[in-house]
Amino acid sequence: MTTIKIITGHYGSGKTEFAVSLAMQLAAKGRKVALGDLDIVNPYFRSRERAEMMGNEGIRVISSTLGHASSLDLPAVSAEIRGPIADPEYDVILDLGGDEVGARVVVAFAEDIKARGYEMLLVINAYRPETRDLDGVMRYLEGIEYTSNLKFTGLIVNTHMIWDTTTEDVLAGIELARQVSHRSGLPIRYISAIKSALAGLPPDIEGERLPVGMYMRDAWM
């Protein structure tokens, strides 16, 4: 069954890495995938920067009306995204800015998204100062819901130290996500990290494991 997945999270949470990794995973399974880069807030690590790579895997990348050039820092989201949103043959991934300002972009598409059905998933990184505790995460969660006119359906654990991420880092993120889950009623849908960190997790921990491809970072970063 195809889906619309809206991926959002605070700056530095790793939401774009997750969105690109998920798109690549689905494409590798032979799915018809479209990724919409709706992040008009963060000029760094935008999914559109890997448009050529994803295009080579058959992924349809949609971003600005002005094209994918990363130097174009204008809030010009292409209405082309309406096509895949309305097309049930597509798995649609929307990479959305992770605060109230960034969430405004999706309002223009909210009714179409609701009509088809969707998941909106919050990426939680316990190592970011603004989301290192329950109250911090809930402020972002509630603010994005209020602004976007959409409701969250699940959580993504993505607490990391980039290439140095350990299983202990992931477990720390899971503990915070469980607190958010208890407060909000939202399930943990994914646990995302480099493969070596995921490998050490107990098998009974909730959430689908998704190894990140580190597509947004070169090896030296």
N, C-alpha and C. Protein backbone atom coordinates (compact mmCIF):
# COMPACT_ATOMS: atom_id res chain seq x y z
N MET A 1 0.84 -1.19 0.00
CA MET A 1 0.00 0.00 0.00
C MET A 1 0.88 1.25 0.00
N THR A 2 0.63 2.17 -0.92
CA THR A 2 1.41 3.40 -0.98
C THR A 2 0.95 4.36 0.11
N THR A 3 1.83 5.28 0.47
CA THR A 3 1.54 6.20 1.57
C THR A 3 2.06 7.59 1.28
N ILE A 4 1.57 8.55 2.06
CA ILE A 4 2.20 9.86 2.19
C ILE A 4 2.82 9.91 3.57
N LYS A 5 4.12 10.15 3.63
CA LYS A 5 4.81 10.30 4.91
C LYS A 5 5.41 11.70 4.98
N ILE A 6 4.97 12.45 5.98
CA ILE A 6 5.51 13.78 6.23
C ILE A 6 6.55 13.64 7.33
N ILE A 7 7.80 14.01 7.01
CA ILE A 7 8.91 13.86 7.96
C ILE A 7 9.32 15.26 8.42
N THR A 8 9.26 15.47 9.72
CA THR A 8 9.64 16.78 10.24
C THR A 8 10.36 16.62 11.56
N GLY A 9 11.19 17.58 11.88
CA GLY A 9 11.95 17.53 13.12
C GLY A 9 12.80 18.78 13.23
N HIS A 10 13.21 19.11 14.43
CA HIS A 10 13.95 20.34 14.66
C HIS A 10 15.27 20.34 13.89
N TYR A 11 15.77 21.52 13.60
CA TYR A 11 17.05 21.69 12.90
C TYR A 11 18.13 20.83 13.57
N GLY A 12 18.81 20.02 12.78
CA GLY A 12 19.87 19.17 13.29
C GLY A 12 19.38 17.83 13.80
N SER A 13 18.08 17.57 13.70
CA SER A 13 17.56 16.29 14.19
C SER A 13 17.94 15.12 13.30
N GLY A 14 18.25 15.40 12.04
CA GLY A 14 18.55 14.34 11.08
C GLY A 14 17.35 13.95 10.23
N LYS A 15 16.34 14.81 10.18
CA LYS A 15 15.11 14.49 9.44
C LYS A 15 15.37 14.32 7.95
N THR A 16 16.23 15.16 7.37
CA THR A 16 16.49 15.05 5.93
C THR A 16 17.25 13.78 5.61
N GLU A 17 18.22 13.42 6.45
CA GLU A 17 18.93 12.15 6.24
C GLU A 17 17.96 10.98 6.30
N PHE A 18 17.03 11.05 7.24
CA PHE A 18 16.03 9.99 7.34
C PHE A 18 15.15 9.96 6.10
N ALA A 19 14.68 11.13 5.67
CA ALA A 19 13.78 11.19 4.51
C ALA A 19 14.44 10.63 3.26
N VAL A 20 15.69 11.00 3.02
CA VAL A 20 16.40 10.50 1.85
C VAL A 20 16.66 9.00 1.98
N SER A 21 17.05 8.54 3.16
CA SER A 21 17.31 7.11 3.38
C SER A 21 16.04 6.30 3.17
N LEU A 22 14.91 6.80 3.64
CA LEU A 22 13.64 6.11 3.45
C LEU A 22 13.28 6.05 1.97
N ALA A 23 13.47 7.15 1.25
CA ALA A 23 13.17 7.17 -0.18
C ALA A 23 14.03 6.15 -0.92
N MET A 24 15.30 6.10 -0.59
CA MET A 24 16.21 5.16 -1.24
C MET A 24 15.82 3.72 -0.92
N GLN A 25 15.42 3.46 0.31
CA GLN A 25 15.01 2.11 0.70
C GLN A 25 13.77 1.67 -0.08
N LEU A 26 12.79 2.55 -0.18
CA LEU A 26 11.56 2.21 -0.90
C LEU A 26 11.84 2.00 -2.39
N ALA A 27 12.69 2.86 -2.97
CA ALA A 27 13.02 2.73 -4.39
C ALA A 27 13.73 1.40 -4.65
N ALA A 28 14.59 0.99 -3.72
CA ALA A 28 15.31 -0.28 -3.87
C ALA A 28 14.36 -1.47 -3.86
N LYS A 29 13.18 -1.30 -3.27
CA LYS A 29 12.17 -2.35 -3.25
C LYS A 29 11.28 -2.32 -4.49
N GLY A 30 11.58 -1.40 -5.40
CA GLY A 30 10.81 -1.31 -6.63
C GLY A 30 9.57 -0.44 -6.54
N ARG A 31 9.48 0.36 -5.48
CA ARG A 31 8.31 1.21 -5.31
C ARG A 31 8.46 2.48 -6.15
N LYS A 32 7.34 3.07 -6.50
CA LYS A 32 7.30 4.35 -7.22
C LYS A 32 7.32 5.46 -6.18
N VAL A 33 8.42 6.23 -6.12
CA VAL A 33 8.66 7.14 -5.00
C VAL A 33 8.79 8.57 -5.50
N ALA A 34 8.16 9.49 -4.77
CA ALA A 34 8.37 10.92 -4.99
C ALA A 34 8.77 11.54 -3.66
N LEU A 35 9.80 12.36 -3.69
CA LEU A 35 10.22 13.09 -2.49
C LEU A 35 10.04 14.57 -2.74
N GLY A 36 9.25 15.21 -1.87
CA GLY A 36 9.04 16.65 -1.96
C GLY A 36 9.84 17.37 -0.90
N ASP A 37 10.79 18.21 -1.32
CA ASP A 37 11.58 19.01 -0.39
C ASP A 37 10.80 20.29 -0.10
N LEU A 38 10.11 20.29 1.03
CA LEU A 38 9.29 21.45 1.42
C LEU A 38 9.96 22.28 2.50
N ASP A 39 11.24 22.03 2.76
CA ASP A 39 11.94 22.76 3.82
C ASP A 39 12.44 24.09 3.28
N ILE A 40 11.74 25.16 3.65
CA ILE A 40 12.15 26.50 3.19
C ILE A 40 12.89 27.27 4.28
N VAL A 41 13.12 26.62 5.43
CA VAL A 41 13.73 27.30 6.57
C VAL A 41 15.22 27.05 6.63
N ASN A 42 15.63 25.78 6.48
CA ASN A 42 17.03 25.41 6.64
C ASN A 42 17.74 25.38 5.29
N PRO A 43 18.71 26.28 5.07
CA PRO A 43 19.42 26.30 3.78
C PRO A 43 20.51 25.25 3.66
N TYR A 44 20.72 24.44 4.70
CA TYR A 44 21.78 23.44 4.70
C TYR A 44 21.18 22.04 4.76
N PHE A 45 21.88 21.08 4.15
CA PHE A 45 21.46 19.68 4.17
C PHE A 45 20.03 19.51 3.67
N ARG A 46 19.73 20.12 2.55
CA ARG A 46 18.41 19.95 1.94
C ARG A 46 18.41 18.69 1.08
N SER A 47 17.28 18.01 1.09
CA SER A 47 17.19 16.77 0.31
C SER A 47 17.36 17.03 -1.17
N ARG A 48 17.00 18.22 -1.64
CA ARG A 48 17.16 18.56 -3.06
C ARG A 48 18.62 18.50 -3.50
N GLU A 49 19.56 18.62 -2.55
CA GLU A 49 20.98 18.57 -2.89
C GLU A 49 21.39 17.19 -3.42
N ARG A 50 20.57 16.18 -3.14
CA ARG A 50 20.87 14.84 -3.63
C ARG A 50 19.85 14.42 -4.69
N ALA A 51 19.32 15.41 -5.40
CA ALA A 51 18.31 15.13 -6.43
C ALA A 51 18.86 14.25 -7.54
N GLU A 52 20.07 14.50 -7.97
CA GLU A 52 20.64 13.69 -9.06
C GLU A 52 20.82 12.24 -8.61
N MET A 53 21.35 12.05 -7.42
CA MET A 53 21.54 10.69 -6.90
C MET A 53 20.20 9.96 -6.82
N MET A 54 19.20 10.62 -6.26
CA MET A 54 17.89 9.98 -6.12
C MET A 54 17.24 9.76 -7.47
N GLY A 55 17.41 10.70 -8.37
CA GLY A 55 16.86 10.55 -9.71
C GLY A 55 17.43 9.33 -10.41
N ASN A 56 18.71 9.05 -10.18
CA ASN A 56 19.33 7.87 -10.78
C ASN A 56 18.72 6.57 -10.27
N GLU A 57 18.07 6.64 -9.10
CA GLU A 57 17.39 5.46 -8.54
C GLU A 57 15.90 5.45 -8.85
N GLY A 58 15.48 6.37 -9.71
CA GLY A 58 14.09 6.41 -10.12
C GLY A 58 13.18 7.23 -9.23
N ILE A 59 13.75 7.96 -8.28
CA ILE A 59 12.96 8.76 -7.35
C ILE A 59 12.67 10.12 -7.98
N ARG A 60 11.43 10.51 -7.96
CA ARG A 60 11.02 11.82 -8.48
C ARG A 60 11.20 12.85 -7.37
N VAL A 61 12.10 13.81 -7.57
CA VAL A 61 12.39 14.82 -6.56
C VAL A 61 11.76 16.15 -6.98
N ILE A 62 10.99 16.72 -6.06
CA ILE A 62 10.29 17.98 -6.33
C ILE A 62 10.68 18.97 -5.24
N SER A 63 11.09 20.16 -5.65
CA SER A 63 11.48 21.15 -4.64
C SER A 63 10.97 22.53 -5.04
N SER A 64 11.87 23.40 -5.44
CA SER A 64 11.52 24.77 -5.75
C SER A 64 11.00 24.90 -7.18
N THR A 65 10.17 25.90 -7.41
CA THR A 65 9.77 26.23 -8.77
C THR A 65 10.97 26.72 -9.58
N LEU A 66 12.05 27.05 -8.91
CA LEU A 66 13.24 27.57 -9.57
C LEU A 66 14.29 26.48 -9.81
N GLY A 67 13.97 25.26 -9.44
CA GLY A 67 14.90 24.16 -9.65
C GLY A 67 15.56 23.70 -8.37
N HIS A 68 16.46 22.72 -8.49
CA HIS A 68 17.05 22.09 -7.31
C HIS A 68 18.32 22.77 -6.83
N ALA A 69 18.79 23.80 -7.52
CA ALA A 69 20.08 24.40 -7.18
C ALA A 69 20.10 24.82 -5.71
N SER A 70 21.05 24.30 -4.95
CA SER A 70 21.09 24.55 -3.51
C SER A 70 21.39 26.00 -3.18
N SER A 71 21.90 26.78 -4.13
CA SER A 71 22.21 28.18 -3.88
C SER A 71 20.97 29.06 -3.93
N LEU A 72 19.86 28.52 -4.37
CA LEU A 72 18.63 29.30 -4.46
C LEU A 72 17.89 29.22 -3.14
N ASP A 73 18.00 30.27 -2.33
CA ASP A 73 17.44 30.26 -0.98
C ASP A 73 16.16 31.09 -0.94
N LEU A 74 15.16 30.65 -1.73
CA LEU A 74 13.89 31.36 -1.79
C LEU A 74 12.75 30.39 -1.47
N PRO A 75 11.73 30.88 -0.75
CA PRO A 75 10.60 30.01 -0.36
C PRO A 75 9.63 29.79 -1.52
N ALA A 76 10.10 29.11 -2.56
CA ALA A 76 9.29 28.93 -3.77
C ALA A 76 9.04 27.44 -3.97
N VAL A 77 8.06 26.91 -3.24
CA VAL A 77 7.74 25.49 -3.33
C VAL A 77 6.92 25.22 -4.59
N SER A 78 7.29 24.18 -5.32
CA SER A 78 6.62 23.86 -6.57
C SER A 78 5.27 23.18 -6.32
N ALA A 79 4.25 23.65 -7.02
CA ALA A 79 2.93 23.01 -6.94
C ALA A 79 2.92 21.65 -7.63
N GLU A 80 4.03 21.28 -8.27
CA GLU A 80 4.15 19.97 -8.92
C GLU A 80 3.91 18.83 -7.93
N ILE A 81 4.15 19.11 -6.64
CA ILE A 81 3.99 18.06 -5.64
C ILE A 81 2.55 17.59 -5.54
N ARG A 82 1.59 18.38 -6.00
CA ARG A 82 0.19 17.98 -5.94
C ARG A 82 -0.06 16.71 -6.77
N GLY A 83 0.71 16.54 -7.84
CA GLY A 83 0.53 15.37 -8.70
C GLY A 83 0.74 14.07 -7.96
N PRO A 84 1.94 13.84 -7.37
CA PRO A 84 2.15 12.60 -6.61
C PRO A 84 1.24 12.46 -5.39
N ILE A 85 0.91 13.59 -4.73
CA ILE A 85 0.01 13.51 -3.58
C ILE A 85 -1.33 12.91 -3.99
N ALA A 86 -1.79 13.27 -5.17
CA ALA A 86 -3.09 12.78 -5.64
C ALA A 86 -3.02 11.42 -6.33
N ASP A 87 -1.81 10.94 -6.59
CA ASP A 87 -1.63 9.71 -7.35
C ASP A 87 -1.36 8.54 -6.40
N PRO A 88 -2.29 7.62 -6.22
CA PRO A 88 -2.11 6.52 -5.26
C PRO A 88 -1.02 5.54 -5.64
N GLU A 89 -0.46 5.65 -6.84
CA GLU A 89 0.64 4.76 -7.21
C GLU A 89 1.96 5.19 -6.57
N TYR A 90 2.02 6.42 -6.06
CA TYR A 90 3.26 6.95 -5.49
C TYR A 90 3.32 6.75 -3.98
N ASP A 91 4.49 6.34 -3.51
CA ASP A 91 4.87 6.57 -2.12
C ASP A 91 5.44 7.98 -2.08
N VAL A 92 4.82 8.85 -1.30
CA VAL A 92 5.24 10.25 -1.23
C VAL A 92 5.90 10.52 0.11
N ILE A 93 7.08 11.11 0.06
CA ILE A 93 7.79 11.53 1.26
C ILE A 93 7.93 13.04 1.19
N LEU A 94 7.46 13.74 2.22
CA LEU A 94 7.55 15.19 2.29
C LEU A 94 8.52 15.57 3.40
N ASP A 95 9.61 16.22 3.02
CA ASP A 95 10.64 16.69 3.96
C ASP A 95 10.27 18.11 4.36
N LEU A 96 9.70 18.26 5.56
CA LEU A 96 9.09 19.52 5.99
C LEU A 96 9.95 20.21 7.03
N GLY A 97 10.03 21.54 6.96
CA GLY A 97 10.75 22.31 7.97
C GLY A 97 10.23 22.04 9.36
N GLY A 98 11.13 22.01 10.36
CA GLY A 98 10.80 21.48 11.66
C GLY A 98 10.41 22.46 12.73
N ASP A 99 9.74 23.55 12.36
CA ASP A 99 9.19 24.44 13.38
C ASP A 99 7.92 25.07 12.84
N GLU A 100 7.35 25.99 13.61
CA GLU A 100 6.08 26.58 13.19
C GLU A 100 6.18 27.31 11.85
N VAL A 101 7.30 27.96 11.61
CA VAL A 101 7.49 28.69 10.35
C VAL A 101 7.56 27.69 9.19
N GLY A 102 8.37 26.66 9.33
CA GLY A 102 8.52 25.68 8.28
C GLY A 102 7.25 24.91 7.99
N ALA A 103 6.45 24.70 9.04
CA ALA A 103 5.23 23.90 8.88
C ALA A 103 4.15 24.62 8.07
N ARG A 104 4.25 25.93 7.95
CA ARG A 104 3.23 26.68 7.21
C ARG A 104 3.13 26.26 5.75
N VAL A 105 4.24 25.80 5.21
CA VAL A 105 4.29 25.46 3.78
C VAL A 105 3.27 24.38 3.44
N VAL A 106 3.10 23.43 4.32
CA VAL A 106 2.26 22.27 4.01
C VAL A 106 0.77 22.59 4.07
N VAL A 107 0.42 23.73 4.65
CA VAL A 107 -0.99 24.09 4.77
C VAL A 107 -1.67 24.13 3.41
N ALA A 108 -0.95 24.59 2.39
CA ALA A 108 -1.53 24.69 1.04
C ALA A 108 -1.92 23.33 0.48
N PHE A 109 -1.30 22.27 0.99
CA PHE A 109 -1.56 20.92 0.49
C PHE A 109 -2.33 20.06 1.50
N ALA A 110 -2.68 20.63 2.65
CA ALA A 110 -3.20 19.85 3.76
C ALA A 110 -4.48 19.10 3.42
N GLU A 111 -5.40 19.73 2.71
CA GLU A 111 -6.67 19.07 2.43
C GLU A 111 -6.47 17.90 1.47
N ASP A 112 -5.59 18.06 0.48
CA ASP A 112 -5.29 16.96 -0.44
C ASP A 112 -4.63 15.81 0.30
N ILE A 113 -3.74 16.14 1.25
CA ILE A 113 -3.05 15.12 2.03
C ILE A 113 -4.05 14.35 2.90
N LYS A 114 -4.96 15.07 3.53
CA LYS A 114 -5.98 14.43 4.37
C LYS A 114 -6.89 13.52 3.54
N ALA A 115 -7.22 13.98 2.34
CA ALA A 115 -8.13 13.21 1.50
C ALA A 115 -7.54 11.85 1.14
N ARG A 116 -6.24 11.80 0.94
CA ARG A 116 -5.60 10.53 0.57
C ARG A 116 -5.26 9.69 1.79
N GLY A 117 -4.93 10.35 2.90
CA GLY A 117 -4.45 9.65 4.08
C GLY A 117 -2.94 9.81 4.21
N TYR A 118 -2.46 9.90 5.43
CA TYR A 118 -1.05 10.23 5.62
C TYR A 118 -0.54 9.76 6.97
N GLU A 119 0.79 9.75 7.09
CA GLU A 119 1.48 9.67 8.36
C GLU A 119 2.30 10.95 8.50
N MET A 120 2.25 11.57 9.66
CA MET A 120 3.17 12.68 9.95
C MET A 120 4.03 12.26 11.14
N LEU A 121 5.33 12.21 10.91
CA LEU A 121 6.27 11.61 11.85
C LEU A 121 7.26 12.65 12.34
N LEU A 122 7.43 12.71 13.66
CA LEU A 122 8.35 13.66 14.27
C LEU A 122 9.67 12.98 14.58
N VAL A 123 10.75 13.52 14.03
CA VAL A 123 12.10 13.01 14.28
C VAL A 123 12.60 13.60 15.60
N ILE A 124 12.97 12.73 16.53
CA ILE A 124 13.44 13.16 17.85
C ILE A 124 14.92 12.87 17.98
N ASN A 125 15.68 13.93 18.29
CA ASN A 125 17.11 13.79 18.55
C ASN A 125 17.37 14.36 19.95
N ALA A 126 17.62 13.48 20.91
CA ALA A 126 17.79 13.90 22.29
C ALA A 126 19.07 14.70 22.52
N TYR A 127 19.93 14.77 21.51
CA TYR A 127 21.19 15.50 21.66
C TYR A 127 21.12 16.93 21.12
N ARG A 128 19.96 17.35 20.67
CA ARG A 128 19.78 18.74 20.26
C ARG A 128 19.28 19.55 21.46
N PRO A 129 19.85 20.73 21.72
CA PRO A 129 19.50 21.47 22.94
C PRO A 129 18.01 21.75 23.10
N GLU A 130 17.33 22.06 22.00
CA GLU A 130 15.92 22.43 22.09
C GLU A 130 15.00 21.24 22.29
N THR A 131 15.48 20.04 22.01
CA THR A 131 14.62 18.84 22.11
C THR A 131 15.28 17.76 22.96
N ARG A 132 16.01 18.17 23.97
CA ARG A 132 16.71 17.19 24.78
C ARG A 132 15.87 16.65 25.93
N ASP A 133 14.66 17.22 26.12
CA ASP A 133 13.80 16.72 27.18
C ASP A 133 12.35 16.70 26.69
N LEU A 134 11.49 16.13 27.50
CA LEU A 134 10.09 15.94 27.13
C LEU A 134 9.40 17.26 26.81
N ASP A 135 9.57 18.25 27.65
CA ASP A 135 8.88 19.52 27.43
C ASP A 135 9.33 20.18 26.14
N GLY A 136 10.63 20.09 25.84
CA GLY A 136 11.14 20.67 24.60
C GLY A 136 10.53 20.02 23.38
N VAL A 137 10.48 18.69 23.36
CA VAL A 137 9.91 17.97 22.22
C VAL A 137 8.43 18.30 22.08
N MET A 138 7.70 18.36 23.18
CA MET A 138 6.26 18.62 23.12
C MET A 138 5.97 20.02 22.60
N ARG A 139 6.82 20.98 22.90
CA ARG A 139 6.62 22.34 22.36
C ARG A 139 6.67 22.33 20.84
N TYR A 140 7.65 21.62 20.29
CA TYR A 140 7.75 21.55 18.83
C TYR A 140 6.60 20.75 18.25
N LEU A 141 6.26 19.65 18.87
CA LEU A 141 5.17 18.81 18.38
C LEU A 141 3.86 19.60 18.31
N GLU A 142 3.53 20.26 19.39
CA GLU A 142 2.26 20.99 19.45
C GLU A 142 2.27 22.20 18.52
N GLY A 143 3.41 22.88 18.42
CA GLY A 143 3.49 24.04 17.53
C GLY A 143 3.34 23.66 16.06
N ILE A 144 3.96 22.55 15.65
CA ILE A 144 3.87 22.11 14.26
C ILE A 144 2.44 21.66 13.94
N GLU A 145 1.81 20.94 14.85
CA GLU A 145 0.43 20.53 14.63
C GLU A 145 -0.48 21.74 14.47
N TYR A 146 -0.32 22.72 15.33
CA TYR A 146 -1.19 23.90 15.30
C TYR A 146 -1.04 24.65 13.98
N THR A 147 0.21 24.80 13.53
CA THR A 147 0.47 25.59 12.32
C THR A 147 0.11 24.85 11.04
N SER A 148 0.38 23.54 11.01
CA SER A 148 0.22 22.77 9.77
C SER A 148 -1.21 22.34 9.48
N ASN A 149 -2.06 22.36 10.52
CA ASN A 149 -3.43 21.84 10.39
C ASN A 149 -3.45 20.34 10.13
N LEU A 150 -2.39 19.66 10.58
CA LEU A 150 -2.27 18.21 10.48
C LEU A 150 -1.86 17.65 11.84
N LYS A 151 -2.15 16.39 12.06
CA LYS A 151 -1.83 15.76 13.33
C LYS A 151 -0.69 14.75 13.16
N PHE A 152 0.18 14.70 14.15
CA PHE A 152 1.22 13.68 14.14
C PHE A 152 0.60 12.30 14.36
N THR A 153 1.22 11.32 13.73
CA THR A 153 0.76 9.93 13.87
C THR A 153 1.83 9.02 14.47
N GLY A 154 3.06 9.50 14.58
CA GLY A 154 4.11 8.64 15.11
C GLY A 154 5.41 9.39 15.32
N LEU A 155 6.38 8.67 15.89
CA LEU A 155 7.67 9.24 16.26
C LEU A 155 8.81 8.47 15.60
N ILE A 156 9.90 9.17 15.33
CA ILE A 156 11.12 8.57 14.80
C ILE A 156 12.25 8.86 15.78
N VAL A 157 12.92 7.82 16.24
CA VAL A 157 14.09 7.98 17.11
C VAL A 157 15.31 8.18 16.21
N ASN A 158 16.00 9.30 16.38
CA ASN A 158 17.20 9.54 15.55
C ASN A 158 18.26 10.30 16.36
N THR A 159 18.44 9.88 17.60
CA THR A 159 19.50 10.46 18.43
C THR A 159 20.84 9.92 17.95
N HIS A 160 21.74 10.83 17.60
CA HIS A 160 22.96 10.36 16.94
C HIS A 160 24.15 11.24 17.23
N MET A 161 25.33 10.69 16.97
CA MET A 161 26.60 11.42 16.98
C MET A 161 27.27 11.24 15.62
N ILE A 162 26.48 11.35 14.58
CA ILE A 162 26.90 11.18 13.19
C ILE A 162 27.60 9.82 13.05
N TRP A 163 28.86 9.79 12.59
CA TRP A 163 29.55 8.52 12.35
C TRP A 163 29.92 7.79 13.64
N ASP A 164 29.94 8.53 14.76
CA ASP A 164 30.36 7.94 16.03
C ASP A 164 29.17 7.45 16.86
N THR A 165 27.99 7.38 16.28
CA THR A 165 26.81 6.95 17.00
C THR A 165 26.97 5.52 17.52
N THR A 166 26.61 5.32 18.79
CA THR A 166 26.68 4.00 19.41
C THR A 166 25.27 3.51 19.74
N THR A 167 25.19 2.25 20.10
CA THR A 167 23.91 1.70 20.54
C THR A 167 23.40 2.44 21.77
N GLU A 168 24.31 2.86 22.64
CA GLU A 168 23.91 3.59 23.85
C GLU A 168 23.26 4.93 23.49
N ASP A 169 23.77 5.58 22.45
CA ASP A 169 23.15 6.83 21.99
C ASP A 169 21.72 6.57 21.55
N VAL A 170 21.53 5.51 20.79
CA VAL A 170 20.20 5.18 20.29
C VAL A 170 19.26 4.87 21.45
N LEU A 171 19.74 4.14 22.44
CA LEU A 171 18.92 3.80 23.60
C LEU A 171 18.52 5.05 24.38
N ALA A 172 19.41 6.03 24.45
CA ALA A 172 19.06 7.29 25.11
C ALA A 172 17.93 7.99 24.36
N GLY A 173 17.99 7.93 23.04
CA GLY A 173 16.93 8.51 22.23
C GLY A 173 15.61 7.77 22.40
N ILE A 174 15.69 6.46 22.52
CA ILE A 174 14.47 5.65 22.71
C ILE A 174 13.81 6.00 24.04
N GLU A 175 14.60 6.22 25.07
CA GLU A 175 14.04 6.56 26.38
C GLU A 175 13.26 7.88 26.30
N LEU A 176 13.83 8.89 25.63
CA LEU A 176 13.11 10.15 25.48
C LEU A 176 11.86 9.96 24.63
N ALA A 177 11.97 9.20 23.55
CA ALA A 177 10.82 8.97 22.68
C ALA A 177 9.70 8.25 23.44
N ARG A 178 10.06 7.37 24.34
CA ARG A 178 9.03 6.69 25.13
C ARG A 178 8.30 7.67 26.04
N GLN A 179 9.02 8.64 26.58
CA GLN A 179 8.36 9.66 27.39
C GLN A 179 7.38 10.48 26.54
N VAL A 180 7.82 10.83 25.33
CA VAL A 180 6.95 11.57 24.42
C VAL A 180 5.74 10.72 24.03
N SER A 181 5.98 9.45 23.78
CA SER A 181 4.91 8.54 23.42
C SER A 181 3.87 8.44 24.54
N HIS A 182 4.35 8.34 25.77
CA HIS A 182 3.44 8.25 26.92
C HIS A 182 2.60 9.52 27.05
N ARG A 183 3.24 10.68 26.84
CA ARG A 183 2.52 11.95 26.98
C ARG A 183 1.55 12.18 25.82
N SER A 184 1.96 11.84 24.62
CA SER A 184 1.19 12.19 23.43
C SER A 184 0.27 11.08 22.93
N GLY A 185 0.58 9.83 23.31
CA GLY A 185 -0.15 8.69 22.76
C GLY A 185 0.33 8.24 21.40
N LEU A 186 1.42 8.83 20.90
CA LEU A 186 1.95 8.48 19.58
C LEU A 186 2.91 7.30 19.68
N PRO A 187 2.84 6.35 18.75
CA PRO A 187 3.76 5.21 18.77
C PRO A 187 5.13 5.58 18.20
N ILE A 188 6.13 4.82 18.62
CA ILE A 188 7.44 4.92 17.98
C ILE A 188 7.38 4.10 16.70
N ARG A 189 7.49 4.76 15.56
CA ARG A 189 7.34 4.08 14.27
C ARG A 189 8.67 3.60 13.71
N TYR A 190 9.72 4.40 13.90
CA TYR A 190 11.03 4.04 13.34
C TYR A 190 12.13 4.32 14.37
N ILE A 191 13.17 3.50 14.31
CA ILE A 191 14.42 3.77 14.99
C ILE A 191 15.49 3.87 13.91
N SER A 192 16.12 5.02 13.83
CA SER A 192 17.02 5.32 12.71
C SER A 192 18.42 5.60 13.24
N ALA A 193 19.41 4.97 12.61
CA ALA A 193 20.81 5.18 13.00
C ALA A 193 21.70 4.46 11.99
N ILE A 194 23.01 4.63 12.14
CA ILE A 194 23.93 3.86 11.31
C ILE A 194 23.80 2.38 11.69
N LYS A 195 24.16 1.52 10.76
CA LYS A 195 23.92 0.08 10.94
C LYS A 195 24.58 -0.48 12.20
N SER A 196 25.79 -0.05 12.49
CA SER A 196 26.51 -0.61 13.64
C SER A 196 25.80 -0.30 14.95
N ALA A 197 25.17 0.88 15.04
CA ALA A 197 24.45 1.25 16.26
C ALA A 197 23.15 0.48 16.39
N LEU A 198 22.48 0.25 15.27
CA LEU A 198 21.23 -0.52 15.30
C LEU A 198 21.48 -1.98 15.65
N ALA A 199 22.62 -2.49 15.26
CA ALA A 199 22.90 -3.92 15.43
C ALA A 199 22.90 -4.34 16.89
N GLY A 200 23.21 -3.43 17.79
CA GLY A 200 23.29 -3.79 19.19
C GLY A 200 21.99 -3.67 19.97
N LEU A 201 20.91 -3.26 19.32
CA LEU A 201 19.64 -3.08 20.01
C LEU A 201 18.98 -4.42 20.35
N PRO A 202 18.33 -4.50 21.50
CA PRO A 202 17.55 -5.71 21.79
C PRO A 202 16.47 -5.92 20.74
N PRO A 203 16.16 -7.16 20.41
CA PRO A 203 15.21 -7.42 19.31
C PRO A 203 13.77 -7.02 19.61
N ASP A 204 13.43 -6.85 20.89
CA ASP A 204 12.04 -6.60 21.24
C ASP A 204 11.70 -5.12 21.37
N ILE A 205 12.62 -4.23 21.04
CA ILE A 205 12.33 -2.80 21.13
C ILE A 205 11.39 -2.40 20.00
N GLU A 206 10.41 -1.56 20.35
CA GLU A 206 9.40 -1.16 19.38
C GLU A 206 9.99 -0.29 18.28
N GLY A 207 9.32 -0.30 17.12
CA GLY A 207 9.74 0.55 16.01
C GLY A 207 10.51 -0.20 14.95
N GLU A 208 10.25 0.14 13.70
CA GLU A 208 10.98 -0.43 12.56
C GLU A 208 12.37 0.17 12.48
N ARG A 209 13.39 -0.67 12.34
CA ARG A 209 14.76 -0.18 12.18
C ARG A 209 14.97 0.34 10.76
N LEU A 210 15.55 1.52 10.64
CA LEU A 210 15.89 2.05 9.33
C LEU A 210 17.34 2.54 9.36
N PRO A 211 18.26 1.79 8.75
CA PRO A 211 19.65 2.25 8.69
C PRO A 211 19.75 3.50 7.81
N VAL A 212 20.39 4.54 8.32
CA VAL A 212 20.57 5.74 7.51
C VAL A 212 21.76 5.54 6.59
N GLY A 213 21.63 6.07 5.38
CA GLY A 213 22.69 5.91 4.39
C GLY A 213 23.77 6.95 4.47
N MET A 214 23.59 7.98 5.34
CA MET A 214 24.52 9.10 5.44
C MET A 214 24.72 9.75 4.08
N TYR A 215 23.65 9.85 3.33
CA TYR A 215 23.70 10.43 1.99
C TYR A 215 23.97 11.93 2.01
N MET A 216 23.59 12.59 3.09
CA MET A 216 23.71 14.04 3.16
C MET A 216 25.10 14.49 3.65
N ARG A 217 25.94 13.54 4.03
CA ARG A 217 27.25 13.90 4.56
C ARG A 217 28.34 13.15 3.81
N ASP A 218 29.39 13.87 3.43
CA ASP A 218 30.55 13.21 2.88
C ASP A 218 31.30 12.52 4.02
N ALA A 219 32.20 11.62 3.68
CA ALA A 219 32.86 10.80 4.68
C ALA A 219 33.64 11.63 5.70
N TRP A 220 34.10 12.83 5.34
CA TRP A 220 34.91 13.61 6.26
C TRP A 220 34.06 14.45 7.22
N MET A 221 32.75 14.49 7.05
CA MET A 221 31.93 15.40 7.85
C MET A 221 31.49 14.74 9.15
